[in-house]
Every structure is written in structure tokens, then in C-alpha cells.
Protein backbone atom coordinates (compact mmCIF):
# COMPACT_ATOMS: atom_id res chain seq x y z
CA MET A 1 0.00 0.00 0.00
CA ASN A 2 2.88 2.38 0.58
CA ASP A 3 4.03 2.07 -3.03
CA ARG A 4 0.65 3.23 -4.43
CA ARG A 5 0.54 0.44 -7.02
CA GLY A 6 -3.19 0.24 -7.63
CA ARG A 7 -2.48 -0.22 -11.33
CA ASP A 8 -1.15 -3.73 -10.55
CA LEU A 9 -4.42 -4.85 -8.97
CA SER A 10 -5.94 -6.19 -12.20
CA GLN A 11 -2.96 -8.51 -12.73
CA TRP A 12 -3.25 -9.76 -9.16
CA THR A 13 -6.98 -10.41 -9.50
CA GLU A 14 -6.37 -12.41 -12.70
CA ARG A 15 -3.79 -14.57 -10.91
CA VAL A 16 -6.18 -15.16 -8.01
CA GLN A 17 -8.96 -16.21 -10.40
CA ALA A 18 -6.56 -18.70 -12.00
CA ASP A 19 -5.62 -20.28 -8.63
CA ASP A 20 -7.68 -22.71 -6.61
CA LEU A 21 -8.29 -20.53 -3.55
CA PRO A 22 -12.05 -20.12 -2.98
CA ALA A 23 -11.70 -17.59 -0.15
CA LEU A 24 -9.55 -15.25 -2.24
CA ARG A 25 -11.83 -15.70 -5.24
CA GLY A 26 -14.74 -14.49 -3.15
CA PHE A 27 -12.69 -11.51 -2.00
CA VAL A 28 -11.74 -10.65 -5.58
CA THR A 29 -15.37 -10.94 -6.66
CA GLY A 30 -16.27 -8.39 -4.00
CA LEU A 31 -13.48 -6.08 -5.17
CA GLY A 32 -14.74 -6.33 -8.72
CA GLN A 33 -18.10 -4.85 -7.77
CA ASP A 34 -16.46 -1.44 -7.33
CA PHE A 35 -13.08 -1.99 -8.95
CA ASP A 36 -12.47 1.61 -10.04
CA ALA A 37 -12.90 2.90 -6.47
CA VAL A 38 -10.54 0.23 -5.11
CA VAL A 39 -7.86 1.11 -7.68
CA ALA A 40 -8.28 4.81 -6.87
CA GLY A 41 -7.97 4.08 -3.15
CA LEU A 42 -4.74 2.19 -3.72
CA SER A 43 -3.32 4.74 -6.17
CA LEU A 44 -4.19 8.23 -4.94
CA PRO A 45 -2.25 9.96 -2.16
CA TYR A 46 -5.42 11.00 -0.29
CA SER A 47 -6.37 9.37 3.01
CA SER A 48 -9.32 9.63 5.36
CA GLY A 49 -7.24 8.31 8.25
CA ALA A 50 -7.50 11.47 10.35
CA VAL A 51 -11.28 11.59 9.99
CA GLU A 52 -11.56 7.91 10.86
CA GLY A 53 -9.41 8.49 13.96
CA HIS A 54 -11.72 11.24 15.21
CA ASN A 55 -14.76 9.12 14.43
CA ASN A 56 -13.30 6.21 16.38
CA LYS A 57 -12.54 8.47 19.35
CA ILE A 58 -16.12 9.80 19.43
CA LYS A 59 -17.55 6.28 19.24
CA MET A 60 -15.32 5.21 22.14
CA LEU A 61 -16.59 8.12 24.25
CA LYS A 62 -20.16 7.25 23.33
CA ARG A 63 -19.64 3.65 24.48
CA GLN A 64 -18.08 4.84 27.74
CA MET A 65 -20.97 7.20 28.42
CA PHE A 66 -23.77 4.75 27.59
CA GLY A 67 -26.37 4.79 30.36
CA ARG A 68 -24.43 7.22 32.55
CA ALA A 69 -25.66 10.68 31.66
CA ASN A 70 -27.65 12.67 29.15
CA PHE A 71 -26.67 14.01 25.75
CA ASP A 72 -25.43 17.35 27.14
CA LEU A 73 -22.60 15.69 29.09
CA LEU A 74 -21.67 13.52 26.11
CA ARG A 75 -21.54 16.64 23.94
CA LYS A 76 -19.23 18.39 26.42
CA ARG A 77 -16.85 15.41 26.55
CA VAL A 78 -16.74 15.18 22.76
CA LEU A 79 -15.95 18.89 22.46
CA LEU A 80 -13.25 18.67 25.13
CA VAL A 81 -11.51 15.79 23.34
CA ALA A 82 -11.65 17.37 19.90
């Protein structure tokens, strides 16, 4: 993934289809449903990692606060962490 070689994905999928590995074939079939997006994700330098990190942090706070207090306290904790 660090080399950004999404262009090589089609060759890899062809090799997987030729092999006798049913689990990987199923995976490749799923990739093929939105192949252009997968290639773009492996090729482009953009990442949503920072957004996913914030999302994960908010979900963790939400799990910690479940059943303890109302929405106002949850909102304050989220704003303090961000």
C-alpha cells in the first residue's frame, strides 16, 4: 500500500482467479463490484485516516458514556476531546 501500485491490482486479480483458492476468489469478486474505487484508493495519495481516527474516538466516548448521563454531558466530553 505504501508504493501506491493500484495499477497492478488487475494482474493480481487475474492470478487469483486462476488459482484454486475459494476464499480469495470471493474476496476478488467483492473487489470487482467497485473496482475503479478500489484502484483509486490504492493509487491516490489521499487518506481519510484522520477523519476515521476522530470518528473512532467519538464512538469510544459514546460507548463509555452509555447509560451514565444525558446528551449534554456527552456533547461536552466530545468537544473537550476534539
